[in-house]
Amino acid sequence: MTEMSQKSLIGRIFRRGPWETAATAFIGAGVLMLMQPFALALYTWSFLTTLTGVVMFVIVSKFPE
């Protein structure tokens, strides 16, 4: 693989749009886990899930368009 095609591959993998969508989904899932009243295990992991989504969103926001 040439250097130019490798940069192109990396550029396609690390585009902001899909990663921001995934980070937003993590945040949403964490909030839903926090608000549900049935499963204590989901409630227990909700903060970590939300925090992971927020950190991911902060990092991803630095990616190129």
N, C-alpha and C. Protein backbone atom coordinates (compact mmCIF):
# COMPACT_ATOMS: atom_id res chain seq x y z
N MET A 1 0.85 -1.17 0.00
CA MET A 1 0.00 0.00 0.00
C MET A 1 0.90 1.24 0.00
N THR A 2 0.61 2.15 -0.88
CA THR A 2 1.44 3.34 -0.96
C THR A 2 1.06 4.31 0.16
N GLU A 3 1.94 5.26 0.38
CA GLU A 3 1.72 6.23 1.46
C GLU A 3 0.47 7.07 1.21
N MET A 4 0.24 7.42 -0.05
CA MET A 4 -0.91 8.25 -0.39
C MET A 4 -2.22 7.50 -0.14
N SER A 5 -2.27 6.23 -0.54
CA SER A 5 -3.50 5.47 -0.33
C SER A 5 -3.73 5.17 1.14
N GLN A 6 -2.65 5.03 1.91
CA GLN A 6 -2.80 4.79 3.34
C GLN A 6 -3.34 6.05 4.03
N LYS A 7 -2.87 7.23 3.63
CA LYS A 7 -3.41 8.47 4.19
C LYS A 7 -4.87 8.60 3.84
N SER A 8 -5.23 8.22 2.62
CA SER A 8 -6.62 8.29 2.19
C SER A 8 -7.48 7.34 3.03
N LEU A 9 -6.99 6.15 3.30
CA LEU A 9 -7.72 5.18 4.11
C LEU A 9 -7.90 5.70 5.53
N ILE A 10 -6.85 6.25 6.11
CA ILE A 10 -6.94 6.80 7.46
C ILE A 10 -7.90 7.97 7.49
N GLY A 11 -7.85 8.81 6.46
CA GLY A 11 -8.76 9.94 6.37
C GLY A 11 -10.22 9.52 6.28
N ARG A 12 -10.48 8.41 5.57
CA ARG A 12 -11.85 7.93 5.47
C ARG A 12 -12.33 7.29 6.76
N ILE A 13 -11.43 6.64 7.48
CA ILE A 13 -11.81 5.99 8.73
C ILE A 13 -12.09 7.02 9.82
N PHE A 14 -11.26 8.05 9.89
CA PHE A 14 -11.37 9.03 10.97
C PHE A 14 -12.09 10.30 10.52
N ARG A 15 -13.23 10.14 9.85
CA ARG A 15 -14.08 11.28 9.52
C ARG A 15 -14.96 11.60 10.72
N ARG A 16 -15.27 12.85 10.89
CA ARG A 16 -16.00 13.29 12.08
C ARG A 16 -17.43 12.78 12.14
N GLY A 17 -18.15 12.79 11.03
CA GLY A 17 -19.58 12.49 11.03
C GLY A 17 -19.98 11.17 11.68
N PRO A 18 -19.49 10.05 11.22
CA PRO A 18 -19.90 8.77 11.80
C PRO A 18 -19.49 8.62 13.27
N TRP A 19 -18.32 9.14 13.61
CA TRP A 19 -17.85 9.03 15.00
C TRP A 19 -18.67 9.91 15.94
N GLU A 20 -19.09 11.10 15.48
CA GLU A 20 -19.96 11.95 16.30
C GLU A 20 -21.31 11.27 16.51
N THR A 21 -21.80 10.61 15.50
CA THR A 21 -23.07 9.88 15.63
C THR A 21 -22.94 8.77 16.67
N ALA A 22 -21.84 8.04 16.62
CA ALA A 22 -21.62 6.97 17.60
C ALA A 22 -21.49 7.53 19.02
N ALA A 23 -20.76 8.64 19.17
CA ALA A 23 -20.61 9.24 20.49
C ALA A 23 -21.94 9.74 21.03
N THR A 24 -22.75 10.33 20.16
CA THR A 24 -24.08 10.80 20.57
C THR A 24 -24.96 9.62 20.97
N ALA A 25 -24.83 8.51 20.27
CA ALA A 25 -25.60 7.30 20.62
C ALA A 25 -25.18 6.78 21.99
N PHE A 26 -23.88 6.82 22.29
CA PHE A 26 -23.40 6.40 23.61
C PHE A 26 -24.00 7.29 24.69
N ILE A 27 -23.99 8.59 24.47
CA ILE A 27 -24.55 9.53 25.45
C ILE A 27 -26.04 9.25 25.65
N GLY A 28 -26.76 9.09 24.55
CA GLY A 28 -28.19 8.79 24.64
C GLY A 28 -28.48 7.49 25.36
N ALA A 29 -27.69 6.46 25.06
CA ALA A 29 -27.87 5.17 25.73
C ALA A 29 -27.60 5.30 27.23
N GLY A 30 -26.58 6.05 27.58
CA GLY A 30 -26.28 6.25 29.00
C GLY A 30 -27.39 6.96 29.74
N VAL A 31 -27.98 7.96 29.11
CA VAL A 31 -29.09 8.69 29.73
C VAL A 31 -30.31 7.79 29.87
N LEU A 32 -30.60 7.01 28.84
CA LEU A 32 -31.73 6.07 28.93
C LEU A 32 -31.48 5.02 30.02
N MET A 33 -30.26 4.56 30.14
CA MET A 33 -29.92 3.60 31.19
C MET A 33 -30.10 4.23 32.57
N LEU A 34 -29.81 5.50 32.68
CA LEU A 34 -29.94 6.21 33.95
C LEU A 34 -31.40 6.38 34.35
N MET A 35 -32.29 6.58 33.38
CA MET A 35 -33.68 6.89 33.66
C MET A 35 -34.59 5.67 33.80
N GLN A 36 -34.12 4.51 33.43
CA GLN A 36 -35.00 3.33 33.51
C GLN A 36 -35.06 2.83 34.95
N PRO A 37 -36.22 2.36 35.39
CA PRO A 37 -36.38 1.98 36.80
C PRO A 37 -36.28 0.48 37.09
N PHE A 38 -35.91 -0.35 36.10
CA PHE A 38 -36.07 -1.79 36.28
C PHE A 38 -34.77 -2.54 36.60
N ALA A 39 -33.70 -2.25 35.91
CA ALA A 39 -32.49 -3.05 36.04
C ALA A 39 -31.39 -2.26 36.74
N LEU A 40 -30.98 -2.74 37.90
CA LEU A 40 -29.94 -2.05 38.66
C LEU A 40 -28.60 -2.10 37.93
N ALA A 41 -28.34 -3.16 37.19
CA ALA A 41 -27.07 -3.26 36.45
C ALA A 41 -26.98 -2.16 35.39
N LEU A 42 -28.08 -1.88 34.69
CA LEU A 42 -28.06 -0.80 33.70
C LEU A 42 -27.84 0.55 34.37
N TYR A 43 -28.50 0.76 35.50
CA TYR A 43 -28.32 2.00 36.24
C TYR A 43 -26.87 2.16 36.70
N THR A 44 -26.29 1.06 37.13
CA THR A 44 -24.91 1.09 37.62
C THR A 44 -23.93 1.49 36.53
N TRP A 45 -24.13 1.02 35.32
CA TRP A 45 -23.22 1.30 34.21
C TRP A 45 -23.57 2.58 33.45
N SER A 46 -24.66 3.23 33.80
CA SER A 46 -25.12 4.39 33.04
C SER A 46 -24.14 5.55 33.08
N PHE A 47 -23.57 5.84 34.25
CA PHE A 47 -22.64 6.96 34.34
C PHE A 47 -21.40 6.71 33.50
N LEU A 48 -20.85 5.52 33.57
CA LEU A 48 -19.67 5.19 32.78
C LEU A 48 -19.97 5.25 31.28
N THR A 49 -21.13 4.80 30.89
CA THR A 49 -21.52 4.86 29.47
C THR A 49 -21.64 6.31 29.00
N THR A 50 -22.31 7.14 29.80
CA THR A 50 -22.45 8.55 29.45
C THR A 50 -21.10 9.24 29.41
N LEU A 51 -20.26 8.98 30.38
CA LEU A 51 -18.93 9.58 30.43
C LEU A 51 -18.09 9.16 29.23
N THR A 52 -18.17 7.90 28.84
CA THR A 52 -17.46 7.42 27.66
C THR A 52 -17.92 8.15 26.41
N GLY A 53 -19.22 8.35 26.28
CA GLY A 53 -19.75 9.09 25.14
C GLY A 53 -19.29 10.53 25.11
N VAL A 54 -19.25 11.18 26.26
CA VAL A 54 -18.82 12.58 26.32
C VAL A 54 -17.34 12.71 25.96
N VAL A 55 -16.51 11.85 26.53
CA VAL A 55 -15.07 11.89 26.22
C VAL A 55 -14.84 11.58 24.75
N MET A 56 -15.56 10.61 24.24
CA MET A 56 -15.46 10.27 22.82
C MET A 56 -15.86 11.45 21.95
N PHE A 57 -16.92 12.16 22.32
CA PHE A 57 -17.38 13.30 21.54
C PHE A 57 -16.36 14.42 21.56
N VAL A 58 -15.72 14.66 22.70
CA VAL A 58 -14.70 15.71 22.79
C VAL A 58 -13.51 15.37 21.90
N ILE A 59 -13.09 14.13 21.89
CA ILE A 59 -11.96 13.71 21.06
C ILE A 59 -12.33 13.78 19.58
N VAL A 60 -13.51 13.27 19.24
CA VAL A 60 -13.95 13.19 17.85
C VAL A 60 -14.17 14.58 17.26
N SER A 61 -14.53 15.54 18.09
CA SER A 61 -14.76 16.89 17.57
C SER A 61 -13.50 17.52 17.01
N LYS A 62 -12.35 16.94 17.27
CA LYS A 62 -11.09 17.42 16.72
C LYS A 62 -10.76 16.77 15.37
N PHE A 63 -11.52 15.76 14.97
CA PHE A 63 -11.28 15.07 13.70
C PHE A 63 -11.62 15.99 12.54
N PRO A 64 -11.01 15.76 11.38
CA PRO A 64 -11.35 16.57 10.20
C PRO A 64 -12.73 16.20 9.66
N GLU A 65 -13.32 17.13 8.92
CA GLU A 65 -14.62 16.89 8.29
C GLU A 65 -14.44 15.78 7.32
